[in-house]
PDB file of N, CA and C in Angstrom:
ATOM      1  N   MET A   1     117.605  70.761  94.478  1.00  0.00           N
ATOM      2  CA  MET A   1     118.809  71.116  93.767  1.00  0.00           C
ATOM      3  C   MET A   1     118.413  71.632  92.388  1.00  0.00           C
ATOM      4  N   GLN A   2     118.914  72.771  92.015  1.00  0.00           N
ATOM      5  CA  GLN A   2     118.582  73.374  90.724  1.00  0.00           C
ATOM      6  C   GLN A   2     119.847  73.770  89.982  1.00  0.00           C
ATOM      7  N   GLY A   3     120.793  72.884  89.855  1.00  0.00           N
ATOM      8  CA  GLY A   3     122.042  73.225  89.186  1.00  0.00           C
ATOM      9  C   GLY A   3     123.091  73.628  90.196  1.00  0.00           C
ATOM     10  N   SER A   4     122.721  74.327  91.200  1.00  0.00           N
ATOM     11  CA  SER A   4     123.526  74.671  92.368  1.00  0.00           C
ATOM     12  C   SER A   4     122.722  75.696  93.151  1.00  0.00           C
ATOM     13  N   THR A   5     123.178  75.989  94.341  1.00  0.00           N
ATOM     14  CA  THR A   5     122.449  76.984  95.142  1.00  0.00           C
ATOM     15  C   THR A   5     122.518  78.358  94.496  1.00  0.00           C
ATOM     16  N   GLN A   6     123.500  78.574  93.625  1.00  0.00           N
ATOM     17  CA  GLN A   6     123.599  79.846  92.914  1.00  0.00           C
ATOM     18  C   GLN A   6     122.673  79.898  91.719  1.00  0.00           C
ATOM     19  N   ASN A   7     122.111  78.738  91.316  1.00  0.00           N
ATOM     20  CA  ASN A   7     121.138  78.649  90.230  1.00  0.00           C
ATOM     21  C   ASN A   7     121.682  79.158  88.892  1.00  0.00           C
ATOM     22  N   HIS A   8     122.989  78.935  88.645  1.00  0.00           N
ATOM     23  CA  HIS A   8     123.567  79.343  87.360  1.00  0.00           C
ATOM     24  C   HIS A   8     123.076  78.455  86.222  1.00  0.00           C
ATOM     25  N   TRP A   9     122.932  77.150  86.483  1.00  0.00           N
ATOM     26  CA  TRP A   9     122.517  76.190  85.466  1.00  0.00           C
ATOM     27  C   TRP A   9     121.344  75.394  86.017  1.00  0.00           C
ATOM     28  N   PRO A  10     120.149  75.962  85.982  1.00  0.00           N
ATOM     29  CA  PRO A  10     118.998  75.268  86.566  1.00  0.00           C
ATOM     30  C   PRO A  10     118.755  73.906  85.916  1.00  0.00           C
ATOM     31  N   PHE A  11     118.461  72.934  86.723  1.00  0.00           N
ATOM     32  CA  PHE A  11     118.172  71.575  86.273  1.00  0.00           C
ATOM     33  C   PHE A  11     116.870  71.157  86.931  1.00  0.00           C
ATOM     34  N   PRO A  12     115.926  70.581  86.195  1.00  0.00           N
ATOM     35  CA  PRO A  12     114.632  70.217  86.783  1.00  0.00           C
ATOM     36  C   PRO A  12     114.797  69.270  87.978  1.00  0.00           C
ATOM     37  N   LEU A  13     114.208  69.607  89.082  1.00  0.00           N
ATOM     38  CA  LEU A  13     114.349  68.824  90.306  1.00  0.00           C
ATOM     39  C   LEU A  13     113.921  67.373  90.132  1.00  0.00           C
ATOM     40  N   ASP A  14     112.908  67.130  89.323  1.00  0.00           N
ATOM     41  CA  ASP A  14     112.419  65.766  89.149  1.00  0.00           C
ATOM     42  C   ASP A  14     113.282  64.955  88.182  1.00  0.00           C
ATOM     43  N   ARG A  15     114.342  65.533  87.652  1.00  0.00           N
ATOM     44  CA  ARG A  15     115.227  64.840  86.709  1.00  0.00           C
ATOM     45  C   ARG A  15     116.661  64.706  87.217  1.00  0.00           C
ATOM     46  N   VAL A  16     116.903  65.059  88.453  1.00  0.00           N
ATOM     47  CA  VAL A  16     118.263  65.030  88.991  1.00  0.00           C
ATOM     48  C   VAL A  16     118.863  63.628  88.909  1.00  0.00           C
ATOM     49  N   LEU A  17     118.137  62.617  89.361  1.00  0.00           N
ATOM     50  CA  LEU A  17     118.680  61.255  89.327  1.00  0.00           C
ATOM     51  C   LEU A  17     118.851  60.749  87.898  1.00  0.00           C
ATOM     52  N   THR A  18     117.963  61.130  87.010  1.00  0.00           N
ATOM     53  CA  THR A  18     118.094  60.750  85.607  1.00  0.00           C
ATOM     54  C   THR A  18     119.384  61.346  85.032  1.00  0.00           C
ATOM     55  N   GLY A  19     119.662  62.589  85.367  1.00  0.00           N
ATOM     56  CA  GLY A  19     120.900  63.241  84.927  1.00  0.00           C
ATOM     57  C   GLY A  19     122.130  62.546  85.472  1.00  0.00           C
ATOM     58  N   TYR A  20     122.120  62.202  86.760  1.00  0.00           N
ATOM     59  CA  TYR A  20     123.257  61.498  87.344  1.00  0.00           C
ATOM     60  C   TYR A  20     123.412  60.103  86.753  1.00  0.00           C
ATOM     61  N   ALA A  21     122.307  59.437  86.418  1.00  0.00           N
ATOM     62  CA  ALA A  21     122.403  58.115  85.784  1.00  0.00           C
ATOM     63  C   ALA A  21     123.187  58.224  84.479  1.00  0.00           C
ATOM     64  N   TYR A  22     122.913  59.260  83.697  1.00  0.00           N
ATOM     65  CA  TYR A  22     123.640  59.464  82.445  1.00  0.00           C
ATOM     66  C   TYR A  22     125.103  59.831  82.714  1.00  0.00           C
ATOM     67  N   ILE A  23     125.313  60.816  83.548  1.00  0.00           N
ATOM     68  CA  ILE A  23     126.669  61.321  83.812  1.00  0.00           C
ATOM     69  C   ILE A  23     127.577  60.229  84.376  1.00  0.00           C
ATOM     70  N   LEU A  24     127.044  59.429  85.291  1.00  0.00           N
ATOM     71  CA  LEU A  24     127.884  58.448  85.977  1.00  0.00           C
ATOM     72  C   LEU A  24     128.048  57.137  85.228  1.00  0.00           C
ATOM     73  N   THR A  25     127.281  56.910  84.171  1.00  0.00           N
ATOM     74  CA  THR A  25     127.456  55.694  83.380  1.00  0.00           C
ATOM     75  C   THR A  25     128.148  55.938  82.053  1.00  0.00           C
ATOM     76  N   HIS A  26     128.365  57.172  81.696  1.00  0.00           N
ATOM     77  CA  HIS A  26     128.966  57.478  80.402  1.00  0.00           C
ATOM     78  C   HIS A  26     130.416  57.939  80.543  1.00  0.00           C
ATOM     79  N   PRO A  27     131.177  57.841  79.442  1.00  0.00           N
ATOM     80  CA  PRO A  27     132.574  58.276  79.482  1.00  0.00           C
ATOM     81  C   PRO A  27     132.693  59.738  79.884  1.00  0.00           C
ATOM     82  N   GLY A  28     133.812  60.073  80.442  1.00  0.00           N
ATOM     83  CA  GLY A  28     134.080  61.438  80.854  1.00  0.00           C
ATOM     84  C   GLY A  28     134.617  61.441  82.280  1.00  0.00           C
ATOM     85  N   VAL A  29     134.735  62.615  82.819  1.00  0.00           N
ATOM     86  CA  VAL A  29     135.159  62.788  84.200  1.00  0.00           C
ATOM     87  C   VAL A  29     133.976  63.410  84.922  1.00  0.00           C
ATOM     88  N   PRO A  30     133.155  62.571  85.571  1.00  0.00           N
ATOM     89  CA  PRO A  30     131.920  63.092  86.174  1.00  0.00           C
ATOM     90  C   PRO A  30     132.194  63.979  87.383  1.00  0.00           C
ATOM     91  N   CYS A  31     131.248  64.840  87.621  1.00  0.00           N
ATOM     92  CA  CYS A  31     131.317  65.762  88.746  1.00  0.00           C
ATOM     93  C   CYS A  31     129.991  65.700  89.494  1.00  0.00           C
ATOM     94  N   LEU A  32     130.071  65.590  90.800  1.00  0.00           N
ATOM     95  CA  LEU A  32     128.871  65.624  91.631  1.00  0.00           C
ATOM     96  C   LEU A  32     128.759  67.000  92.255  1.00  0.00           C
ATOM     97  N   GLN A  33     127.562  67.524  92.282  1.00  0.00           N
ATOM     98  CA  GLN A  33     127.365  68.804  92.955  1.00  0.00           C
ATOM     99  C   GLN A  33     127.413  68.578  94.456  1.00  0.00           C
ATOM    100  N   TRP A  34     128.055  69.471  95.136  1.00  0.00           N
ATOM    101  CA  TRP A  34     128.176  69.406  96.582  1.00  0.00           C
ATOM    102  C   TRP A  34     126.809  69.242  97.233  1.00  0.00           C
ATOM    103  N   GLU A  35     125.828  69.982  96.764  1.00  0.00           N
ATOM    104  CA  GLU A  35     124.493  69.928  97.357  1.00  0.00           C
ATOM    105  C   GLU A  35     123.863  68.543  97.232  1.00  0.00           C
ATOM    106  N   ALA A  36     124.214  67.797  96.174  1.00  0.00           N
ATOM    107  CA  ALA A  36     123.625  66.468  95.959  1.00  0.00           C
ATOM    108  C   ALA A  36     124.000  65.506  97.071  1.00  0.00           C
ATOM    109  N   LEU A  37     125.137  65.726  97.691  1.00  0.00           N
ATOM    110  CA  LEU A  37     125.578  64.844  98.763  1.00  0.00           C
ATOM    111  C   LEU A  37     124.767  65.025 100.044  1.00  0.00           C
ATOM    112  N   PHE A  38     123.985  66.079 100.104  1.00  0.00           N
ATOM    113  CA  PHE A  38     123.159  66.340 101.282  1.00  0.00           C
ATOM    114  C   PHE A  38     121.679  66.088 101.029  1.00  0.00           C
ATOM    115  N   GLU A  39     121.332  65.682  99.814  1.00  0.00           N
ATOM    116  CA  GLU A  39     119.947  65.348  99.472  1.00  0.00           C
ATOM    117  C   GLU A  39     119.698  63.895  99.836  1.00  0.00           C
ATOM    118  N   GLN A  40     119.106  63.643 100.989  1.00  0.00           N
ATOM    119  CA  GLN A  40     118.896  62.275 101.454  1.00  0.00           C
ATOM    120  C   GLN A  40     118.095  61.442 100.459  1.00  0.00           C
ATOM    121  N   ASP A  41     117.170  62.057  99.739  1.00  0.00           N
ATOM    122  CA  ASP A  41     116.368  61.326  98.761  1.00  0.00           C
ATOM    123  C   ASP A  41     117.220  60.823  97.593  1.00  0.00           C
ATOM    124  N   HIS A  42     118.338  61.470  97.324  1.00  0.00           N
ATOM    125  CA  HIS A  42     119.159  61.127  96.173  1.00  0.00           C
ATOM    126  C   HIS A  42     120.457  60.413  96.540  1.00  0.00           C
ATOM    127  N   LEU A  43     120.896  60.536  97.767  1.00  0.00           N
ATOM    128  CA  LEU A  43     122.218  60.068  98.160  1.00  0.00           C
ATOM    129  C   LEU A  43     122.429  58.582  97.899  1.00  0.00           C
ATOM    130  N   ALA A  44     121.492  57.724  98.266  1.00  0.00           N
ATOM    131  CA  ALA A  44     121.663  56.279  98.068  1.00  0.00           C
ATOM    132  C   ALA A  44     121.750  55.938  96.587  1.00  0.00           C
ATOM    133  N   SER A  45     120.903  56.535  95.759  1.00  0.00           N
ATOM    134  CA  SER A  45     120.924  56.255  94.320  1.00  0.00           C
ATOM    135  C   SER A  45     122.217  56.738  93.673  1.00  0.00           C
ATOM    136  N   ILE A  46     122.670  57.919  94.042  1.00  0.00           N
ATOM    137  CA  ILE A  46     123.921  58.444  93.491  1.00  0.00           C
ATOM    138  C   ILE A  46     125.080  57.556  93.917  1.00  0.00           C
ATOM    139  N   GLY A  47     125.082  57.127  95.176  1.00  0.00           N
ATOM    140  CA  GLY A  47     126.125  56.224  95.660  1.00  0.00           C
ATOM    141  C   GLY A  47     126.159  54.924  94.874  1.00  0.00           C
ATOM    142  N   GLU A  48     124.985  54.361  94.586  1.00  0.00           N
ATOM    143  CA  GLU A  48     124.936  53.115  93.808  1.00  0.00           C
ATOM    144  C   GLU A  48     125.439  53.344  92.384  1.00  0.00           C
ATOM    145  N   LEU A  49     125.109  54.469  91.776  1.00  0.00           N
ATOM    146  CA  LEU A  49     125.602  54.775  90.426  1.00  0.00           C
ATOM    147  C   LEU A  49     127.122  54.932  90.416  1.00  0.00           C
ATOM    148  N   VAL A  50     127.677  55.520  91.449  1.00  0.00           N
ATOM    149  CA  VAL A  50     129.143  55.641  91.558  1.00  0.00           C
ATOM    150  C   VAL A  50     129.764  54.252  91.677  1.00  0.00           C
ATOM    151  N   ARG A  51     129.162  53.368  92.485  1.00  0.00           N
ATOM    152  CA  ARG A  51     129.679  52.003  92.629  1.00  0.00           C
ATOM    153  C   ARG A  51     129.618  51.237  91.304  1.00  0.00           C
ATOM    154  N   ILE A  52     128.547  51.423  90.546  1.00  0.00           N
ATOM    155  CA  ILE A  52     128.417  50.776  89.237  1.00  0.00           C
ATOM    156  C   ILE A  52     129.549  51.243  88.318  1.00  0.00           C
ATOM    157  N   ARG A  53     129.794  52.554  88.312  1.00  0.00           N
ATOM    158  CA  ARG A  53     130.866  53.119  87.475  1.00  0.00           C
ATOM    159  C   ARG A  53     132.211  52.506  87.845  1.00  0.00           C
ATOM    160  N   LYS A  54     132.512  52.469  89.136  1.00  0.00           N
ATOM    161  CA  LYS A  54     133.795  51.922  89.586  1.00  0.00           C
ATOM    162  C   LYS A  54     133.893  50.426  89.314  1.00  0.00           C
ATOM    163  N   ARG A  55     132.851  49.690  89.635  1.00  0.00           N
ATOM    164  CA  ARG A  55     132.843  48.233  89.476  1.00  0.00           C
ATOM    165  C   ARG A  55     133.087  47.829  88.019  1.00  0.00           C
ATOM    166  N   ASN A  56     132.605  48.627  87.089  1.00  0.00           N
ATOM    167  CA  ASN A  56     132.708  48.308  85.670  1.00  0.00           C
ATOM    168  C   ASN A  56     133.828  49.054  84.950  1.00  0.00           C
ATOM    169  N   GLY A  57     134.616  49.800  85.687  1.00  0.00           N
ATOM    170  CA  GLY A  57     135.781  50.464  85.114  1.00  0.00           C
ATOM    171  C   GLY A  57     135.459  51.491  84.050  1.00  0.00           C
ATOM    172  N   ILE A  58     134.337  52.190  84.188  1.00  0.00           N
ATOM    173  CA  ILE A  58     133.993  53.233  83.212  1.00  0.00           C
ATOM    174  C   ILE A  58     134.954  54.405  83.412  1.00  0.00           C
ATOM    175  N   HIS A  59     135.504  54.890  82.311  1.00  0.00           N
ATOM    176  CA  HIS A  59     136.476  55.982  82.368  1.00  0.00           C
ATOM    177  C   HIS A  59     136.238  56.939  81.198  1.00  0.00           C
ATOM    178  N   ALA A  60     137.102  57.920  81.080  1.00  0.00           N
ATOM    179  CA  ALA A  60     136.911  58.982  80.079  1.00  0.00           C
ATOM    180  C   ALA A  60     136.884  58.479  78.645  1.00  0.00           C
ATOM    181  N   ARG A  61     137.514  57.336  78.369  1.00  0.00           N
ATOM    182  CA  ARG A  61     137.556  56.829  76.997  1.00  0.00           C
ATOM    183  C   ARG A  61     136.787  55.520  76.830  1.00  0.00           C
ATOM    184  N   SER A  62     135.874  55.230  77.723  1.00  0.00           N
ATOM    185  CA  SER A  62     135.050  54.024  77.577  1.00  0.00           C
ATOM    186  C   SER A  62     134.222  54.117  76.295  1.00  0.00           C
ATOM    187  N   SER A  63     133.963  52.966  75.705  1.00  0.00           N
ATOM    188  CA  SER A  63     133.172  52.952  74.473  1.00  0.00           C
ATOM    189  C   SER A  63     131.684  53.108  74.787  1.00  0.00           C
ATOM    190  N   VAL A  64     130.945  53.651  73.841  1.00  0.00           N
ATOM    191  CA  VAL A  64     129.492  53.796  73.961  1.00  0.00           C
ATOM    192  C   VAL A  64     128.861  53.304  72.664  1.00  0.00           C
ATOM    193  N   GLN A  65     127.915  52.393  72.798  1.00  0.00           N
ATOM    194  CA  GLN A  65     127.148  51.925  71.645  1.00  0.00           C
ATOM    195  C   GLN A  65     125.692  52.299  71.902  1.00  0.00           C
ATOM    196  N   ILE A  66     125.191  53.293  71.196  1.00  0.00           N
ATOM    197  CA  ILE A  66     123.802  53.731  71.350  1.00  0.00           C
ATOM    198  C   ILE A  66     122.932  52.810  70.507  1.00  0.00           C
ATOM    199  N   THR A  67     121.995  52.142  71.162  1.00  0.00           N
ATOM    200  CA  THR A  67     121.126  51.212  70.450  1.00  0.00           C
ATOM    201  C   THR A  67     119.734  51.783  70.202  1.00  0.00           C
ATOM    202  N   CYS A  68     119.391  52.869  70.886  1.00  0.00           N
ATOM    203  CA  CYS A  68     118.105  53.525  70.665  1.00  0.00           C
ATOM    204  C   CYS A  68     118.205  54.975  71.113  1.00  0.00           C
ATOM    205  N   ALA A  69     117.787  55.883  70.260  1.00  0.00           N
ATOM    206  CA  ALA A  69     117.753  57.305  70.609  1.00  0.00           C
ATOM    207  C   ALA A  69     116.460  57.882  70.040  1.00  0.00           C
ATOM    208  N   LYS A  70     115.433  57.887  70.861  1.00  0.00           N
ATOM    209  CA  LYS A  70     114.118  58.415  70.474  1.00  0.00           C
ATOM    210  C   LYS A  70     113.695  59.428  71.529  1.00  0.00           C
ATOM    211  N   PRO A  71     112.703  60.244  71.228  1.00  0.00           N
ATOM    212  CA  PRO A  71     112.295  61.261  72.201  1.00  0.00           C
ATOM    213  C   PRO A  71     111.876  60.693  73.570  1.00  0.00           C
ATOM    214  N   ASP A  72     111.350  59.467  73.591  1.00  0.00           N
ATOM    215  CA  ASP A  72     110.876  58.910  74.858  1.00  0.00           C
ATOM    216  C   ASP A  72     111.730  57.754  75.379  1.00  0.00           C
ATOM    217  N   MET A  73     112.865  57.444  74.692  1.00  0.00           N
ATOM    218  CA  MET A  73     113.732  56.376  75.173  1.00  0.00           C
ATOM    219  C   MET A  73     115.123  56.483  74.565  1.00  0.00           C
ATOM    220  N   TYR A  74     116.117  56.342  75.426  1.00  0.00           N
ATOM    221  CA  TYR A  74     117.525  56.299  75.037  1.00  0.00           C
ATOM    222  C   TYR A  74     118.106  55.048  75.677  1.00  0.00           C
ATOM    223  N   VAL A  75     118.803  54.228  74.884  1.00  0.00           N
ATOM    224  CA  VAL A  75     119.449  53.023  75.398  1.00  0.00           C
ATOM    225  C   VAL A  75     120.868  52.997  74.855  1.00  0.00           C
ATOM    226  N   ALA A  76     121.832  52.763  75.757  1.00  0.00           N
ATOM    227  CA  ALA A  76     123.228  52.679  75.344  1.00  0.00           C
ATOM    228  C   ALA A  76     123.939  51.611  76.163  1.00  0.00           C
ATOM    229  N   CYS A  77     124.922  50.988  75.530  1.00  0.00           N
ATOM    230  CA  CYS A  77     125.794  50.032  76.204  1.00  0.00           C
ATOM    231  C   CYS A  77     127.149  50.714  76.356  1.00  0.00           C
ATOM    232  N   ILE A  78     127.641  50.774  77.574  1.00  0.00           N
ATOM    233  CA  ILE A  78     128.883  51.479  77.872  1.00  0.00           C
ATOM    234  C   ILE A  78     129.945  50.462  78.245  1.00  0.00           C
ATOM    235  N   GLY A  79     131.043  50.473  77.506  1.00  0.00           N
ATOM    236  CA  GLY A  79     132.160  49.591  77.793  1.00  0.00           C
ATOM    237  C   GLY A  79     131.852  48.112  77.697  1.00  0.00           C
ATOM    238  N   GLY A  80     130.707  47.765  77.123  1.00  0.00           N
ATOM    239  CA  GLY A  80     130.319  46.375  77.012  1.00  0.00           C
ATOM    240  C   GLY A  80     129.841  45.750  78.309  1.00  0.00           C
ATOM    241  N   HIS A  81     129.822  46.540  79.390  1.00  0.00           N
ATOM    242  CA  HIS A  81     129.484  46.003  80.712  1.00  0.00           C
ATOM    243  C   HIS A  81     128.306  46.675  81.388  1.00  0.00           C
ATOM    244  N   VAL A  82     127.848  47.795  80.858  1.00  0.00           N
ATOM    245  CA  VAL A  82     126.751  48.549  81.474  1.00  0.00           C
ATOM    246  C   VAL A  82     125.754  48.934  80.389  1.00  0.00           C
ATOM    247  N   ILE A  83     124.470  48.765  80.675  1.00  0.00           N
ATOM    248  CA  ILE A  83     123.416  49.252  79.787  1.00  0.00           C
ATOM    249  C   ILE A  83     122.589  50.266  80.561  1.00  0.00           C
ATOM    250  N   LEU A  84     122.375  51.417  79.948  1.00  0.00           N
ATOM    251  CA  LEU A  84     121.554  52.480  80.534  1.00  0.00           C
ATOM    252  C   LEU A  84     120.329  52.684  79.666  1.00  0.00           C
ATOM    253  N   LYS A  85     119.160  52.756  80.304  1.00  0.00           N
ATOM    254  CA  LYS A  85     117.919  53.097  79.624  1.00  0.00           C
ATOM    255  C   LYS A  85     117.378  54.357  80.278  1.00  0.00           C
ATOM    256  N   LEU A  86     117.132  55.390  79.491  1.00  0.00           N
ATOM    257  CA  LEU A  86     116.528  56.631  79.981  1.00  0.00           C
ATOM    258  C   LEU A  86     115.190  56.831  79.296  1.00  0.00           C
ATOM    259  N   GLY A  87     114.276  57.476  79.975  1.00  0.00           N
ATOM    260  CA  GLY A  87     112.999  57.817  79.377  1.00  0.00           C
ATOM    261  C   GLY A  87     111.847  57.024  79.962  1.00  0.00           C
ATOM    262  N   PRO A  88     110.632  57.501  79.716  1.00  0.00           N
ATOM    263  CA  PRO A  88     109.452  56.880  80.322  1.00  0.00           C
ATOM    264  C   PRO A  88     109.031  55.568  79.673  1.00  0.00           C
ATOM    265  N   ARG A  89     109.444  55.330  78.436  1.00  0.00           N
ATOM    266  CA  ARG A  89     109.029  54.110  77.741  1.00  0.00           C
ATOM    267  C   ARG A  89     109.826  52.910  78.238  1.00  0.00           C
ATOM    268  N   PHE A  90     109.154  51.793  78.437  1.00  0.00           N
ATOM    269  CA  PHE A  90     109.871  50.622  78.919  1.00  0.00           C
ATOM    270  C   PHE A  90     109.653  49.400  78.044  1.00  0.00           C
ATOM    271  N   ASP A  91     108.969  49.534  76.927  1.00  0.00           N
ATOM    272  CA  ASP A  91     108.783  48.398  76.028  1.00  0.00           C
ATOM    273  C   ASP A  91     110.016  48.262  75.134  1.00  0.00           C
ATOM    274  N   MET A  92     111.103  47.812  75.744  1.00  0.00           N
ATOM    275  CA  MET A  92     112.388  47.763  75.067  1.00  0.00           C
ATOM    276  C   MET A  92     112.509  46.586  74.103  1.00  0.00           C
ATOM    277  N   GLY A  93     111.645  45.601  74.206  1.00  0.00           N
ATOM    278  CA  GLY A  93     111.694  44.452  73.304  1.00  0.00           C
ATOM    279  C   GLY A  93     113.054  43.795  73.293  1.00  0.00           C
ATOM    280  N   ALA A  94     113.658  43.714  72.113  1.00  0.00           N
ATOM    281  CA  ALA A  94     114.957  43.057  71.958  1.00  0.00           C
ATOM    282  C   ALA A  94     116.087  43.836  72.637  1.00  0.00           C
ATOM    283  N   LEU A  95     115.845  45.104  72.995  1.00  0.00           N
ATOM    284  CA  LEU A  95     116.876  45.896  73.657  1.00  0.00           C
ATOM    285  C   LEU A  95     117.005  45.568  75.142  1.00  0.00           C
ATOM    286  N   LEU A  96     116.008  44.872  75.694  1.00  0.00           N
ATOM    287  CA  LEU A  96     116.002  44.562  77.121  1.00  0.00           C
ATOM    288  C   LEU A  96     117.113  43.573  77.448  1.00  0.00           C
ATOM    289  N   PRO A  97     118.011  43.937  78.352  1.00  0.00           N
ATOM    290  CA  PRO A  97     119.074  43.008  78.751  1.00  0.00           C
ATOM    291  C   PRO A  97     118.467  41.791  79.457  1.00  0.00           C
ATOM    292  N   ARG A  98     118.981  40.614  79.141  1.00  0.00           N
ATOM    293  CA  ARG A  98     118.431  39.391  79.732  1.00  0.00           C
ATOM    294  C   ARG A  98     119.364  38.833  80.797  1.00  0.00           C
ATOM    295  N   GLU A  99     118.756  38.386  81.880  1.00  0.00           N
ATOM    296  CA  GLU A  99     119.528  37.790  82.965  1.00  0.00           C
ATOM    297  C   GLU A  99     120.277  36.546  82.476  1.00  0.00           C
ATOM    298  N   THR A 100     119.679  35.812  81.539  1.00  0.00           N
ATOM    299  CA  THR A 100     120.333  34.610  81.008  1.00  0.00           C
ATOM    300  C   THR A 100     121.608  34.943  80.228  1.00  0.00           C
ATOM    301  N   ASP A 101     121.752  36.203  79.820  1.00  0.00           N
ATOM    302  CA  ASP A 101     122.971  36.649  79.149  1.00  0.00           C
ATOM    303  C   ASP A 101     123.963  37.293  80.117  1.00  0.00           C
ATOM    304  N   GLY A 102     123.667  37.184  81.417  1.00  0.00           N
ATOM    305  CA  GLY A 102     124.576  37.712  82.430  1.00  0.00           C
ATOM    306  C   GLY A 102     124.275  39.116  82.919  1.00  0.00           C
ATOM    307  N   TRP A 103     123.172  39.727  82.467  1.00  0.00           N
ATOM    308  CA  TRP A 103     122.829  41.089  82.877  1.00  0.00           C
ATOM    309  C   TRP A 103     121.981  41.070  84.140  1.00  0.00           C
ATOM    310  N   GLN A 104     122.236  42.010  85.036  1.00  0.00           N
ATOM    311  CA  GLN A 104     121.434  42.171  86.241  1.00  0.00           C
ATOM    312  C   GLN A 104     121.063  43.641  86.411  1.00  0.00           C
ATOM    313  N   LEU A 105     119.822  43.870  86.817  1.00  0.00           N
ATOM    314  CA  LEU A 105     119.414  45.239  87.111  1.00  0.00           C
ATOM    315  C   LEU A 105     120.220  45.711  88.311  1.00  0.00           C
ATOM    316  N   ALA A 106     120.953  46.805  88.146  1.00  0.00           N
ATOM    317  CA  ALA A 106     121.851  47.295  89.194  1.00  0.00           C
ATOM    318  C   ALA A 106     121.312  48.542  89.889  1.00  0.00           C
ATOM    319  N   ALA A 107     120.531  49.341  89.177  1.00  0.00           N
ATOM    320  CA  ALA A 107     119.970  50.569  89.760  1.00  0.00           C
ATOM    321  C   ALA A 107     118.791  51.008  88.904  1.00  0.00           C
ATOM    322  N   SER A 108     117.836  51.651  89.538  1.00  0.00           N
ATOM    323  CA  SER A 108     116.710  52.209  88.784  1.00  0.00           C
ATOM    324  C   SER A 108     116.106  53.349  89.570  1.00  0.00           C
ATOM    325  N   GLY A 109     115.371  54.171  88.856  1.00  0.00           N
ATOM    326  CA  GLY A 109     114.720  55.318  89.463  1.00  0.00           C
ATOM    327  C   GLY A 109     113.741  55.898  88.471  1.00  0.00           C
ATOM    328  N   PRO A 110     113.309  57.121  88.728  1.00  0.00           N
ATOM    329  CA  PRO A 110     112.344  57.752  87.822  1.00  0.00           C
ATOM    330  C   PRO A 110     112.943  57.905  86.420  1.00  0.00           C
ATOM    331  N   ASP A 111     112.379  57.189  85.474  1.00  0.00           N
ATOM    332  CA  ASP A 111     112.774  57.262  84.066  1.00  0.00           C
ATOM    333  C   ASP A 111     114.202  56.811  83.772  1.00  0.00           C
ATOM    334  N   PHE A 112     114.770  55.924  84.608  1.00  0.00           N
ATOM    335  CA  PHE A 112     116.063  55.331  84.253  1.00  0.00           C
ATOM    336  C   PHE A 112     116.199  53.935  84.846  1.00  0.00           C
ATOM    337  N   ALA A 113     117.005  53.124  84.173  1.00  0.00           N
ATOM    338  CA  ALA A 113     117.381  51.800  84.674  1.00  0.00           C
ATOM    339  C   ALA A 113     118.795  51.520  84.189  1.00  0.00           C
ATOM    340  N   VAL A 114     119.581  50.861  85.038  1.00  0.00           N
ATOM    341  CA  VAL A 114     120.960  50.522  84.719  1.00  0.00           C
ATOM    342  C   VAL A 114     121.168  49.037  84.999  1.00  0.00           C
ATOM    343  N   TRP A 115     121.700  48.333  84.003  1.00  0.00           N
ATOM    344  CA  TRP A 115     122.057  46.931  84.155  1.00  0.00           C
ATOM    345  C   TRP A 115     123.559  46.814  84.009  1.00  0.00           C
ATOM    346  N   ASP A 116     124.144  45.828  84.695  1.00  0.00           N
ATOM    347  CA  ASP A 116     125.548  45.521  84.449  1.00  0.00           C
ATOM    348  C   ASP A 116     125.749  44.015  84.438  1.00  0.00           C
ATOM    349  N   ARG A 117     126.901  43.635  83.914  1.00  0.00           N
ATOM    350  CA  ARG A 117     127.247  42.204  83.857  1.00  0.00           C
ATOM    351  C   ARG A 117     128.036  41.876  85.110  1.00  0.00           C
ATOM    352  N   ARG A 118     127.626  40.839  85.775  1.00  0.00           N
ATOM    353  CA  ARG A 118     128.335  40.422  86.980  1.00  0.00           C
ATOM    354  C   ARG A 118     129.057  39.113  86.694  1.00  0.00           C
ATOM    355  N   ALA A 119     130.245  39.008  87.217  1.00  0.00           N
ATOM    356  CA  ALA A 119     130.975  37.752  87.066  1.00  0.00           C
ATOM    357  C   ALA A 119     130.236  36.670  87.828  1.00  0.00           C
ATOM    358  N   SER A 120     130.071  35.505  87.218  1.00  0.00           N
ATOM    359  CA  SER A 120     129.373  34.422  87.902  1.00  0.00           C
ATOM    360  C   SER A 120     130.298  33.798  88.941  1.00  0.00           C
ATOM    361  N   GLY A 121     129.669  33.299  90.000  1.00  0.00           N
ATOM    362  CA  GLY A 121     130.432  32.665  91.065  1.00  0.00           C
ATOM    363  C   GLY A 121     130.487  33.548  92.194  1.00  0.00           C
TER     364      GLY A 121
END
């Protein structure tokens, strides 16, 4: 997939899931490319990101708190219920969500990880 079969907006093939991780966890009205639904390598991950968005009620006006924005790492908390980490660096230190605080790793892939808070019980 390179933006679409028409190639109007080329997107690096090795960053497709990273792009969807951002789009589907952040405020706005996300759009999936038709071709992405036929990419077996991406379909399960995209489906999980959609479920995370729905489960946590992310919508066009959800809040975003950016806790790190560096060339090799971006970390944001969306709506108080989802944390997204993008980039190759993983030494998040104090930014790392802790399971003892109710955070669980919900999805991950090349250069991204998503945590959400799950209700106990």
